[in-house]
Amino acid sequence: MSEPEPEDRKPQSDEAHSAFTQPTGVVSSHAAPEEDSQTTSEFALPRGFAARTAAEQEGSAFRPPPSYSVRDAPPAFTPPGGMPVIRVTKEEPWQDRMRTILRMPVAERPVVEVLQKHDEGTGPAVPRVLDLTLRIGELLLAGGEGAEDVEAAMFAVCRSYGLDRVEPNVTFTLLSISYQPSLVDDPVTSSRTVRRRATDYTRLAAVFHLVRDLSDGDIEVSLEEAYRRLAEIRRNRHPYPGWVLTAASGLLAGSASVLVGGDVLVFVAAFLGAMLGDRLAWLCAGRGLPEFYQFTVAAMPPAAVGIALTLLDADVRASAVITGGLFALLPGRALVAGVQDGLTGYYITASARLLEVLYFFVAIVIGVLTALYFGVWVGADLNPDAQLRAVDRPVWQILASMSLALAFAVLLQQERSTVLVVTLNGGIAWVVFGAMHVAGKISMVAATAVAAGLVGLFGQLFSRYRFASALPFVTAAIGPLLPGSATYFGLLGVAQNDVNEGLLSLSKAAALSMAIAIGVNLGSEISRLFIRTPGAASRRAAKRTRGF
């Protein structure tokens, strides 16, 4: 045999040893091209591959797949009678309408109806509408309104200017709102921080009137007009001067001392002690001290006055003087708002509000205990058994309860037109409590809950009648029910080293506080359940888990 040619004995190339052969249509760089037209890219499609047509590429993403069969499809989720249509009538108050829509899934919400005209021909200025919404929500949240009502107000403002697909979110110090123009556009989100809180129910009522006008299609309010009215609300002064607030604080403490069995001398002593504490708190506020220290300082003078009367052997009940001073400091407003947020599902805001209540209560405890420890050290004979001496003076106590509610309404800076209604509501609350607890011998906690429930019910009715917030009609009326006496005797037990009795009395005060808050919320919910306007939509609630 002839020997192979030398070039046949050359080693094979790396491409010959590789298991990954090149696809068809790719020419190796070592091989000489046959023609220029056969040269192709490494990204060329292999033979036999059929590319999709343009019509197929432009198809909808929601088109059924080719393997879908109607015959083998699962049963539809739509019920046989169709999906229920939710109708929200204009006869309802805007709060109920907005709550109803907020609790619906986004896909089931009714189409937004533009109620206010726009200055621009292309639609509303979205950033300005969102800014106006956040400013309104800030005033409501700073005034003590519940998180659900703040979200409802923000939702109403956006929908009145034609913004659909908006989602407001409210926490204790932060407001945010997100608006998505369409399903394919990026959302626009704005937020605002609430740094200062001021209790002014007159301003709160004015903001509610503004939202009511924006939600009414018969009243035209442009964006410029809404901003002007909002600026006027911010500039408005408080309806009562400082000296009136100080006198109201003294009247509240004196009325509370009469409720727990005090006489004229006790009334005067509690009046003066509370006024002195209020002035000291104003002094601390002017120096920039936090509210914690303001409550601590304000709690000392009433306790000091009671201890001084005991040292002077005056024929007065020192416990009534100190209890009256505590009534003027207990944070009933924040407590009711915190429990209401928790019951309606806003747990973050509720936790923050209740933590604020805890801090205020600790401040009151420190102030009173400081005075009580000093009184025990100097030999004051403070008798914890004085709480067993019940005094039955129904006429004077009813008048005192109404006077207490009146003073509380002034301290909350309420409108003068609402003070009389709140005063009567506070008197009714005490009558119900006295009839159940004193005459009927029913538990104090149960009697307090029922009386607070009636306060919430009547307050919600008054607010519906006036198309305003329910807080001005509720908060001051629960003043006679606050657990000032139980709080004082609990602190006195701790000060005299009787910790068991002290903690028992403090736990009683906590139970009464929760009864007040839950009763108020339950009364409001009952009014929404059974007192409906014609054609009103159902108010959905969140579905709760059942153990999982």
Protein backbone atom coordinates (compact mmCIF):
# COMPACT_ATOMS: atom_id res chain seq x y z
CA MET A 1 0.00 0.00 0.00
CA SER A 2 1.12 3.45 -0.74
CA GLU A 3 1.91 5.72 2.16
CA PRO A 4 -0.62 8.48 2.89
CA GLU A 5 0.19 11.92 1.84
CA PRO A 6 1.91 14.06 4.47
CA GLU A 7 -0.99 16.49 4.71
CA ASP A 8 -3.37 13.57 5.57
CA ARG A 9 -1.30 12.80 8.68
CA LYS A 10 -1.87 16.29 10.23
CA PRO A 11 -3.65 16.26 13.63
CA GLN A 12 -7.36 17.01 13.61
CA SER A 13 -8.55 20.46 14.63
CA ASP A 14 -10.26 21.23 17.94
CA GLU A 15 -13.60 21.51 16.15
CA ALA A 16 -13.32 17.88 15.05
CA HIS A 17 -12.77 16.72 18.68
CA SER A 18 -15.60 18.86 20.11
CA ALA A 19 -18.94 17.25 20.85
CA PHE A 20 -20.69 20.57 20.21
CA THR A 21 -20.89 20.81 16.48
CA GLN A 22 -21.89 24.01 14.84
CA PRO A 23 -25.48 24.36 13.72
CA THR A 24 -26.37 24.10 10.11
CA GLY A 25 -25.79 27.29 8.22
CA VAL A 26 -22.76 28.42 10.20
CA VAL A 27 -19.49 28.41 8.32
CA SER A 28 -16.30 27.72 10.20
CA SER A 29 -13.66 30.34 10.18
CA HIS A 30 -11.12 27.72 9.01
CA ALA A 31 -13.10 26.72 5.98
CA ALA A 32 -13.06 28.76 2.86
CA PRO A 33 -16.46 30.25 1.98
CA GLU A 34 -17.94 29.00 -1.22
CA GLU A 35 -19.86 32.18 -1.99
CA ASP A 36 -20.46 35.48 -0.27
CA SER A 37 -24.22 34.84 -0.18
CA GLN A 38 -23.77 31.73 2.00
CA THR A 39 -22.00 33.60 4.79
CA THR A 40 -24.31 33.96 7.81
CA SER A 41 -24.30 35.04 11.47
CA GLU A 42 -23.97 32.84 14.53
CA PHE A 43 -27.43 34.05 15.56
CA ALA A 44 -29.11 32.82 12.43
CA LEU A 45 -32.22 30.67 12.87
CA PRO A 46 -31.68 26.97 12.22
CA ARG A 47 -33.37 25.21 9.37
CA GLY A 48 -36.91 24.11 10.03
CA PHE A 49 -37.66 26.84 12.57
CA ALA A 50 -40.84 28.79 11.85
CA ALA A 51 -40.98 32.30 13.32
CA ARG A 52 -44.26 33.64 14.69
CA THR A 53 -46.09 36.11 12.54
CA ALA A 54 -46.64 39.69 13.54
CA ALA A 55 -50.32 39.06 14.11
CA GLU A 56 -49.54 36.39 16.68
CA GLN A 57 -47.00 38.59 18.44
CA GLU A 58 -49.55 41.38 18.85
CA GLY A 59 -52.18 39.16 20.49
CA SER A 60 -53.63 39.89 23.94
CA ALA A 61 -51.99 38.47 27.02
CA PHE A 62 -55.43 37.48 28.29
CA ARG A 63 -56.24 35.32 25.23
CA PRO A 64 -56.93 31.66 26.15
CA PRO A 65 -54.07 29.29 25.33
CA PRO A 66 -54.45 26.92 22.35
CA SER A 67 -54.99 23.97 24.68
CA TYR A 68 -57.98 25.65 26.37
CA SER A 69 -61.32 23.94 25.86
CA VAL A 70 -64.63 25.44 26.90
CA ARG A 71 -66.09 21.98 27.38
CA ASP A 72 -63.40 21.02 29.92
CA ALA A 73 -63.26 24.44 31.63
CA PRO A 74 -63.98 24.66 35.39
CA PRO A 75 -67.28 26.20 36.52
CA ALA A 76 -67.45 29.99 36.44
CA PHE A 77 -67.08 32.01 39.63
CA THR A 78 -69.97 34.32 38.78
CA PRO A 79 -73.12 33.21 40.65
CA PRO A 80 -76.18 32.24 38.58
CA GLY A 81 -77.99 35.42 39.55
CA GLY A 82 -75.07 37.60 38.56
CA MET A 83 -72.82 39.78 40.67
CA PRO A 84 -74.70 42.07 43.08
CA VAL A 85 -74.66 45.71 42.05
CA ILE A 86 -73.68 48.12 44.82
CA ARG A 87 -75.56 51.39 44.60
CA VAL A 88 -74.39 54.31 46.66
CA THR A 89 -77.09 56.95 46.84
CA LYS A 90 -76.47 60.64 47.26
CA GLU A 91 -78.99 60.82 50.10
CA GLU A 92 -76.48 59.19 52.40
CA PRO A 93 -73.93 61.26 54.34
CA TRP A 94 -70.65 61.37 52.51
CA GLN A 95 -68.93 59.50 55.38
CA ASP A 96 -71.13 56.43 54.87
CA ARG A 97 -70.79 56.56 51.08
CA MET A 98 -67.02 56.73 51.20
CA ARG A 99 -66.74 54.00 53.84
CA THR A 100 -68.90 51.74 51.68
CA ILE A 101 -66.74 52.31 48.59
CA LEU A 102 -63.49 51.98 50.52
CA ARG A 103 -64.48 48.56 51.83
CA MET A 104 -65.26 47.26 48.33
CA PRO A 105 -62.68 45.46 46.21
CA VAL A 106 -61.15 47.78 43.64
CA ALA A 107 -62.76 45.91 40.73
CA GLU A 108 -66.26 46.34 42.21
CA ARG A 109 -66.14 50.04 43.00
CA PRO A 110 -68.61 52.19 41.07
CA VAL A 111 -67.33 54.46 38.34
CA VAL A 112 -66.23 57.80 39.68
CA GLU A 113 -68.57 60.71 39.06
CA VAL A 114 -66.90 64.10 38.64
CA LEU A 115 -68.68 66.47 41.01
CA GLN A 116 -66.45 69.53 40.72
CA LYS A 117 -65.38 71.40 37.60
CA HIS A 118 -61.76 71.91 36.65
CA ASP A 119 -59.99 75.03 35.55
CA GLU A 120 -58.06 73.12 32.90
CA GLY A 121 -59.76 71.63 29.91
CA THR A 122 -57.73 68.44 29.98
CA GLY A 123 -58.77 67.34 33.48
CA PRO A 124 -57.72 67.93 37.06
CA ALA A 125 -54.19 68.82 38.06
CA VAL A 126 -53.35 65.53 39.76
CA PRO A 127 -50.48 66.81 41.98
CA ARG A 128 -52.62 69.67 43.28
CA VAL A 129 -55.60 67.43 44.01
CA LEU A 130 -53.36 65.01 45.91
CA ASP A 131 -51.75 67.89 47.83
CA LEU A 132 -55.18 69.28 48.79
CA THR A 133 -56.25 65.81 49.88
CA LEU A 134 -53.21 65.36 52.11
CA ARG A 135 -53.63 68.78 53.71
CA ILE A 136 -57.26 68.02 54.57
CA GLY A 137 -56.31 64.64 55.97
CA GLU A 138 -53.54 66.25 58.04
CA LEU A 139 -55.99 68.62 59.77
CA LEU A 140 -58.41 65.78 60.50
CA LEU A 141 -55.75 63.45 61.90
CA ALA A 142 -54.13 66.21 63.96
CA GLY A 143 -57.54 67.05 65.40
CA GLY A 144 -58.02 63.53 66.76
CA GLU A 145 -60.25 62.03 64.07
CA GLY A 146 -60.21 58.25 63.62
CA ALA A 147 -58.11 56.71 60.85
CA GLU A 148 -61.16 55.32 59.00
CA ASP A 149 -62.86 58.71 58.87
CA VAL A 150 -59.64 60.37 57.68
CA GLU A 151 -59.32 57.86 54.84
CA ALA A 152 -62.97 58.36 53.94
CA ALA A 153 -62.47 62.14 53.75
CA MET A 154 -59.35 61.78 51.59
CA PHE A 155 -61.17 59.36 49.31
CA ALA A 156 -64.12 61.76 48.99
CA VAL A 157 -61.90 64.69 47.97
CA CYS A 158 -60.17 62.69 45.23
CA ARG A 159 -63.38 61.26 43.82
CA SER A 160 -65.07 64.66 43.79
CA TYR A 161 -62.39 65.88 41.37
CA GLY A 162 -62.64 62.80 39.17
CA LEU A 163 -59.60 60.80 40.34
CA ASP A 164 -60.40 57.11 40.18
CA ARG A 165 -58.19 54.25 41.41
CA VAL A 166 -56.91 56.13 44.46
CA GLU A 167 -55.79 54.39 47.64
CA PRO A 168 -55.33 56.49 50.80
CA ASN A 169 -53.31 55.16 53.72
CA VAL A 170 -53.33 56.62 57.24
CA THR A 171 -51.04 55.88 60.16
CA PHE A 172 -50.46 57.78 63.38
CA THR A 173 -47.94 60.27 61.96
CA LEU A 174 -47.92 59.62 58.19
CA LEU A 175 -50.49 60.18 55.46
CA SER A 176 -50.00 58.84 51.96
CA ILE A 177 -52.15 58.51 48.87
CA SER A 178 -51.51 56.71 45.58
CA TYR A 179 -53.25 57.42 42.28
CA GLN A 180 -52.92 55.27 39.14
CA PRO A 181 -54.18 57.00 35.98
CA SER A 182 -54.71 53.70 34.15
CA LEU A 183 -53.75 50.07 34.34
CA VAL A 184 -50.66 50.63 32.18
CA ASP A 185 -49.45 53.92 33.71
CA ASP A 186 -47.14 54.33 36.67
CA PRO A 187 -48.87 55.35 39.92
CA VAL A 188 -48.41 58.80 41.43
CA THR A 189 -47.80 58.71 45.19
CA SER A 190 -47.64 61.58 47.68
CA SER A 191 -47.20 61.61 51.44
CA ARG A 192 -47.31 64.06 54.32
CA THR A 193 -46.09 63.83 57.92
CA VAL A 194 -48.22 65.00 60.85
CA ARG A 195 -45.85 66.54 63.37
CA ARG A 196 -48.11 68.71 65.53
CA ARG A 197 -51.42 67.80 67.14
CA ALA A 198 -53.87 70.37 68.44
CA THR A 199 -57.32 69.70 69.84
CA ASP A 200 -59.67 72.15 68.15
CA TYR A 201 -63.07 70.69 67.28
CA THR A 202 -64.19 73.98 65.70
CA ARG A 203 -61.48 73.59 63.08
CA LEU A 204 -62.39 69.91 62.74
CA ALA A 205 -66.02 70.80 62.03
CA ALA A 206 -64.95 73.38 59.43
CA VAL A 207 -62.88 70.77 57.59
CA PHE A 208 -65.87 68.41 57.59
CA HIS A 209 -68.04 71.16 56.09
CA LEU A 210 -65.47 71.65 53.34
CA VAL A 211 -65.41 67.94 52.50
CA ARG A 212 -69.21 67.88 52.54
CA ASP A 213 -69.36 70.73 50.00
CA LEU A 214 -66.78 69.01 47.80
CA SER A 215 -68.85 65.81 47.85
CA ASP A 216 -72.04 67.66 46.90
CA GLY A 217 -72.53 68.02 43.16
CA ASP A 218 -74.90 70.95 43.64
CA ILE A 219 -72.16 73.09 45.24
CA GLU A 220 -69.33 74.15 42.96
CA VAL A 221 -65.95 74.34 44.68
CA SER A 222 -62.93 74.74 42.42
CA LEU A 223 -59.42 73.83 43.44
CA GLU A 224 -58.56 77.47 44.06
CA GLU A 225 -61.66 77.95 46.19
CA ALA A 226 -60.90 74.78 48.19
CA TYR A 227 -57.34 76.00 48.86
CA ARG A 228 -58.66 79.40 49.94
CA ARG A 229 -61.15 77.88 52.38
CA LEU A 230 -58.49 75.54 53.74
CA ALA A 231 -56.15 78.49 54.35
CA GLU A 232 -58.94 80.32 56.21
CA ILE A 233 -59.51 77.26 58.40
CA ARG A 234 -55.82 77.18 59.30
CA ARG A 235 -55.73 80.90 60.10
CA ASN A 236 -58.84 80.91 62.26
CA ARG A 237 -58.18 81.48 65.95
CA HIS A 238 -59.50 79.27 68.68
CA PRO A 239 -63.04 80.20 69.74
CA TYR A 240 -62.11 80.55 73.43
CA PRO A 241 -59.22 82.57 74.93
CA GLY A 242 -56.68 81.12 77.33
CA TRP A 243 -58.28 82.39 80.53
CA VAL A 244 -61.58 80.74 79.57
CA LEU A 245 -59.78 77.44 79.08
CA THR A 246 -58.14 77.76 82.50
CA ALA A 247 -61.51 78.50 84.12
CA ALA A 248 -63.05 75.53 82.25
CA SER A 249 -60.31 73.29 83.63
CA GLY A 250 -61.16 74.40 87.15
CA LEU A 251 -64.90 73.96 86.55
CA LEU A 252 -64.29 70.44 85.24
CA ALA A 253 -62.29 69.47 88.34
CA GLY A 254 -64.80 71.03 90.73
CA SER A 255 -67.75 69.32 89.03
CA ALA A 256 -65.93 65.98 89.14
CA SER A 257 -65.29 66.41 92.87
CA VAL A 258 -69.05 66.91 93.44
CA LEU A 259 -69.75 63.73 91.44
CA VAL A 260 -67.69 61.69 93.92
CA GLY A 261 -69.30 63.22 97.01
CA GLY A 262 -67.66 66.60 97.54
CA ASP A 263 -69.32 69.71 98.97
CA VAL A 264 -68.84 73.44 98.32
CA LEU A 265 -65.43 73.61 100.02
CA VAL A 266 -64.24 70.59 98.04
CA PHE A 267 -65.51 72.21 94.84
CA VAL A 268 -63.54 75.39 95.51
CA ALA A 269 -60.38 73.48 96.44
CA ALA A 270 -60.52 71.30 93.33
CA PHE A 271 -61.29 74.38 91.22
CA LEU A 272 -58.21 76.23 92.44
CA GLY A 273 -55.92 73.19 92.24
CA ALA A 274 -56.88 72.44 88.65
CA MET A 275 -56.45 76.07 87.59
CA LEU A 276 -52.98 76.15 89.14
CA GLY A 277 -52.05 72.91 87.38
CA ASP A 278 -53.33 74.24 84.06
CA ARG A 279 -51.25 77.42 84.37
CA LEU A 280 -48.13 75.40 85.17
CA ALA A 281 -48.77 73.20 82.14
CA TRP A 282 -49.10 76.31 79.94
CA LEU A 283 -45.80 77.57 81.33
CA CYS A 284 -44.08 74.27 80.48
CA ALA A 285 -45.60 74.31 76.99
CA GLY A 286 -44.26 77.82 76.41
CA ARG A 287 -40.78 76.58 77.34
CA GLY A 288 -41.02 73.79 74.77
CA LEU A 289 -41.27 70.84 77.17
CA PRO A 290 -42.96 67.69 75.80
CA GLU A 291 -46.51 66.85 76.80
CA PHE A 292 -45.28 64.10 79.12
CA TYR A 293 -43.77 66.67 81.49
CA GLN A 294 -46.75 68.99 81.08
CA PHE A 295 -49.07 66.24 82.37
CA THR A 296 -46.67 65.48 85.22
CA VAL A 297 -46.59 69.09 86.38
CA ALA A 298 -50.35 69.58 85.96
CA ALA A 299 -51.11 66.55 88.16
CA MET A 300 -49.16 67.84 91.17
CA PRO A 301 -51.18 70.91 92.33
CA PRO A 302 -54.58 69.17 92.84
CA ALA A 303 -52.89 66.42 94.87
CA ALA A 304 -50.92 69.02 96.83
CA VAL A 305 -54.11 70.97 97.65
CA GLY A 306 -55.80 67.80 98.92
CA ILE A 307 -52.80 66.95 101.10
CA ALA A 308 -52.66 70.51 102.46
CA LEU A 309 -56.31 70.35 103.49
CA THR A 310 -55.64 67.05 105.26
CA LEU A 311 -52.67 68.52 107.15
CA LEU A 312 -54.82 71.47 108.22
CA ASP A 313 -57.43 69.06 109.64
CA ALA A 314 -60.12 70.60 107.47
CA ASP A 315 -63.43 68.79 107.40
CA VAL A 316 -63.20 67.91 103.72
CA ARG A 317 -62.70 64.79 101.66
CA ALA A 318 -59.19 65.10 100.29
CA SER A 319 -59.85 62.14 98.01
CA ALA A 320 -62.61 64.09 96.25
CA VAL A 321 -60.28 67.05 95.67
CA ILE A 322 -57.54 64.87 94.16
CA THR A 323 -60.03 62.85 92.11
CA GLY A 324 -61.49 66.03 90.65
CA GLY A 325 -58.05 67.13 89.53
CA LEU A 326 -57.46 63.77 87.85
CA PHE A 327 -60.67 64.10 85.82
CA ALA A 328 -59.25 67.15 84.09
CA LEU A 329 -56.16 65.21 83.00
CA LEU A 330 -57.32 61.72 82.01
CA PRO A 331 -56.84 61.32 78.21
CA GLY A 332 -60.34 60.13 77.37
CA ARG A 333 -60.23 61.57 73.86
CA ALA A 334 -57.09 59.69 72.83
CA LEU A 335 -58.35 56.51 74.49
CA VAL A 336 -61.64 56.49 72.55
CA ALA A 337 -59.87 57.23 69.26
CA GLY A 338 -57.29 54.49 69.86
CA VAL A 339 -59.84 51.79 70.65
CA GLN A 340 -61.99 52.88 67.72
CA ASP A 341 -59.04 52.50 65.32
CA GLY A 342 -58.32 49.04 66.73
CA LEU A 343 -61.92 47.89 66.37
CA THR A 344 -62.08 49.10 62.76
CA GLY A 345 -58.87 47.30 61.74
CA TYR A 346 -56.26 50.09 61.87
CA TYR A 347 -53.96 48.31 64.27
CA ILE A 348 -50.80 50.35 63.71
CA THR A 349 -52.58 53.63 64.39
CA ALA A 350 -54.45 52.10 67.32
CA SER A 351 -51.22 50.85 68.88
CA ALA A 352 -49.62 54.28 68.56
CA ARG A 353 -52.64 56.04 70.08
CA LEU A 354 -52.85 53.62 73.00
CA LEU A 355 -49.11 53.99 73.58
CA GLU A 356 -49.66 57.74 73.73
CA VAL A 357 -52.42 57.18 76.31
CA LEU A 358 -50.04 54.99 78.32
CA TYR A 359 -47.37 57.69 78.35
CA PHE A 360 -49.88 60.31 79.50
CA PHE A 361 -51.16 58.00 82.21
CA VAL A 362 -47.63 57.30 83.42
CA ALA A 363 -47.01 61.06 83.56
CA ILE A 364 -50.15 61.54 85.69
CA VAL A 365 -49.06 58.66 87.93
CA ILE A 366 -45.62 60.22 88.48
CA GLY A 367 -47.09 63.61 89.31
CA VAL A 368 -49.71 62.33 91.76
CA LEU A 369 -47.39 59.78 93.38
CA THR A 370 -44.78 62.47 93.95
CA ALA A 371 -47.32 64.54 95.86
CA LEU A 372 -48.73 61.52 97.72
CA TYR A 373 -45.29 60.28 98.79
CA PHE A 374 -44.53 63.74 100.13
CA GLY A 375 -47.87 63.81 101.97
CA VAL A 376 -47.27 60.40 103.57
CA TRP A 377 -43.75 61.50 104.55
CA VAL A 378 -45.00 64.64 106.34
CA GLY A 379 -47.72 62.66 108.13
CA ALA A 380 -50.89 63.36 106.14
CA ASP A 381 -53.64 60.90 107.05
CA LEU A 382 -54.89 59.84 103.62
CA ASN A 383 -57.62 57.27 104.05
CA PRO A 384 -58.05 54.75 101.21
CA ASP A 385 -61.30 53.53 102.81
CA ALA A 386 -62.94 56.84 101.92
CA GLN A 387 -64.00 55.34 98.59
CA LEU A 388 -66.50 53.16 100.48
CA ARG A 389 -68.47 56.20 101.67
CA ALA A 390 -70.94 56.48 98.84
CA VAL A 391 -72.92 59.72 98.65
CA ASP A 392 -76.36 59.66 97.04
CA ARG A 393 -77.27 63.16 95.86
CA PRO A 394 -78.80 62.55 92.43
CA VAL A 395 -79.93 66.10 91.64
CA TRP A 396 -76.59 67.69 92.49
CA GLN A 397 -74.69 64.92 90.72
CA ILE A 398 -76.75 65.29 87.52
CA LEU A 399 -76.10 69.04 87.52
CA ALA A 400 -72.41 68.37 88.19
CA SER A 401 -72.23 65.90 85.30
CA MET A 402 -73.74 68.44 82.92
CA SER A 403 -71.36 71.11 84.18
CA LEU A 404 -68.45 68.71 83.68
CA ALA A 405 -69.50 67.99 80.08
CA LEU A 406 -69.85 71.71 79.44
CA ALA A 407 -66.34 72.43 80.71
CA PHE A 408 -64.93 69.51 78.72
CA ALA A 409 -66.55 70.86 75.54
CA VAL A 410 -64.92 74.25 76.10
CA LEU A 411 -61.53 72.63 76.64
CA LEU A 412 -61.94 70.79 73.32
CA GLN A 413 -62.60 74.13 71.55
CA GLN A 414 -66.00 73.08 70.28
CA GLU A 415 -68.39 75.27 68.36
CA ARG A 416 -70.74 77.22 70.58
CA SER A 417 -73.75 75.73 68.77
CA THR A 418 -72.78 72.21 69.90
CA VAL A 419 -72.05 72.93 73.57
CA LEU A 420 -75.69 72.70 74.71
CA VAL A 421 -76.24 69.35 72.95
CA VAL A 422 -73.07 67.90 74.47
CA THR A 423 -74.06 69.13 77.92
CA LEU A 424 -77.42 67.35 77.70
CA ASN A 425 -75.73 64.20 76.36
CA GLY A 426 -73.37 64.16 79.34
CA GLY A 427 -76.28 64.49 81.75
CA ILE A 428 -78.08 61.59 80.07
CA ALA A 429 -74.95 59.46 80.36
CA TRP A 430 -74.75 60.04 84.11
CA VAL A 431 -78.49 59.40 84.60
CA VAL A 432 -78.19 56.04 82.84
CA PHE A 433 -75.08 55.13 84.81
CA GLY A 434 -76.66 56.10 88.14
CA ALA A 435 -79.90 54.26 87.39
CA MET A 436 -78.04 51.05 86.56
CA HIS A 437 -75.23 51.11 89.13
CA VAL A 438 -76.69 52.97 92.12
CA ALA A 439 -80.37 52.09 91.86
CA GLY A 440 -80.13 48.78 90.00
CA LYS A 441 -76.96 47.50 91.74
CA ILE A 442 -75.47 46.48 88.39
CA SER A 443 -71.74 46.20 87.90
CA MET A 444 -69.96 49.50 87.43
CA VAL A 445 -68.21 48.27 84.27
CA ALA A 446 -71.49 47.13 82.65
CA ALA A 447 -73.28 50.35 83.61
CA THR A 448 -70.40 52.41 82.20
CA ALA A 449 -70.43 50.47 78.92
CA VAL A 450 -74.20 50.94 78.45
CA ALA A 451 -74.03 54.67 79.27
CA ALA A 452 -71.10 55.12 76.87
CA GLY A 453 -73.00 53.20 74.20
CA LEU A 454 -75.92 55.65 74.46
CA VAL A 455 -73.45 58.53 74.23
CA GLY A 456 -72.03 57.05 71.02
CA LEU A 457 -75.51 56.43 69.60
CA PHE A 458 -76.81 59.94 70.32
CA GLY A 459 -73.55 61.49 69.14
CA GLN A 460 -73.77 59.66 65.83
CA LEU A 461 -77.38 60.78 65.40
CA PHE A 462 -76.49 64.41 66.06
CA SER A 463 -73.57 64.20 63.63
CA ARG A 464 -75.82 62.77 60.92
CA TYR A 465 -78.33 65.53 61.49
CA ARG A 466 -75.63 68.20 61.11
CA PHE A 467 -73.50 66.29 58.53
CA ALA A 468 -70.47 66.75 60.76
CA SER A 469 -67.98 64.67 62.72
CA ALA A 470 -69.27 62.65 65.66
CA LEU A 471 -66.29 63.47 67.90
CA PRO A 472 -67.59 66.87 69.12
CA PHE A 473 -70.85 65.23 70.22
CA VAL A 474 -69.22 62.23 71.92
CA THR A 475 -65.88 63.06 73.51
CA ALA A 476 -67.03 65.68 76.01
CA ALA A 477 -70.16 63.70 76.93
CA ILE A 478 -68.10 60.77 78.26
CA GLY A 479 -66.35 63.04 80.76
CA PRO A 480 -68.60 62.11 83.74
CA LEU A 481 -67.85 58.41 83.13
CA LEU A 482 -64.04 58.66 83.30
CA PRO A 483 -62.47 56.51 86.07
CA GLY A 484 -60.88 59.29 88.12
CA SER A 485 -61.80 57.83 91.51
CA ALA A 486 -60.48 54.34 90.73
CA THR A 487 -57.26 55.85 89.40
CA TYR A 488 -56.66 57.93 92.52
CA PHE A 489 -57.25 55.11 95.01
CA GLY A 490 -55.00 52.83 92.99
CA LEU A 491 -52.19 55.36 93.17
CA LEU A 492 -52.83 55.94 96.87
CA GLY A 493 -52.54 52.20 97.54
CA VAL A 494 -49.19 52.11 95.77
CA ALA A 495 -47.99 55.16 97.69
CA GLN A 496 -48.91 53.51 101.04
CA ASN A 497 -47.15 50.25 100.09
CA ASP A 498 -50.45 48.42 99.65
CA VAL A 499 -49.52 47.23 96.19
CA ASN A 500 -52.19 44.54 95.89
CA GLU A 501 -55.08 46.92 96.55
CA GLY A 502 -53.46 49.56 94.42
CA LEU A 503 -53.07 47.28 91.41
CA LEU A 504 -56.62 46.00 91.87
CA SER A 505 -57.98 49.53 91.77
CA LEU A 506 -55.82 50.43 88.76
CA SER A 507 -57.03 47.35 86.90
CA LYS A 508 -60.59 48.48 87.65
CA ALA A 509 -59.76 51.88 86.15
CA ALA A 510 -58.40 50.18 83.04
CA ALA A 511 -61.54 48.06 82.72
CA LEU A 512 -63.73 51.16 83.00
CA SER A 513 -61.65 52.92 80.35
CA MET A 514 -62.05 50.03 77.93
CA ALA A 515 -65.78 49.86 78.69
CA ILE A 516 -66.11 53.55 77.78
CA ALA A 517 -64.19 53.20 74.52
CA ILE A 518 -65.91 50.00 73.38
CA GLY A 519 -69.32 51.33 74.39
CA VAL A 520 -68.87 54.52 72.36
CA ASN A 521 -67.75 52.57 69.30
CA LEU A 522 -70.57 50.05 69.65
CA GLY A 523 -73.17 52.80 69.90
CA SER A 524 -71.83 54.36 66.70
CA GLU A 525 -71.90 51.04 64.86
CA ILE A 526 -75.47 50.36 65.99
CA SER A 527 -76.56 53.69 64.56
CA ARG A 528 -75.01 52.79 61.21
CA LEU A 529 -76.59 49.35 61.27
CA PHE A 530 -80.22 50.20 61.90
CA ILE A 531 -80.66 53.85 61.02
CA ARG A 532 -80.30 53.88 57.26
CA THR A 533 -81.44 56.21 54.54
CA PRO A 534 -83.56 54.85 51.63
CA GLY A 535 -81.51 52.92 49.11
CA ALA A 536 -78.40 52.90 51.23
CA ALA A 537 -75.72 50.38 50.41
CA SER A 538 -74.50 47.81 52.84
CA ARG A 539 -71.40 48.74 54.84
CA ARG A 540 -68.98 45.89 54.43
CA ALA A 541 -66.61 44.86 57.16
CA ALA A 542 -63.31 43.04 56.97
CA LYS A 543 -63.55 39.25 57.11
CA ARG A 544 -61.74 38.03 60.19
CA THR A 545 -59.81 34.81 60.50
CA ARG A 546 -61.17 32.08 62.72
CA GLY A 547 -58.22 30.63 64.52
CA PHE A 548 -55.89 30.50 61.53
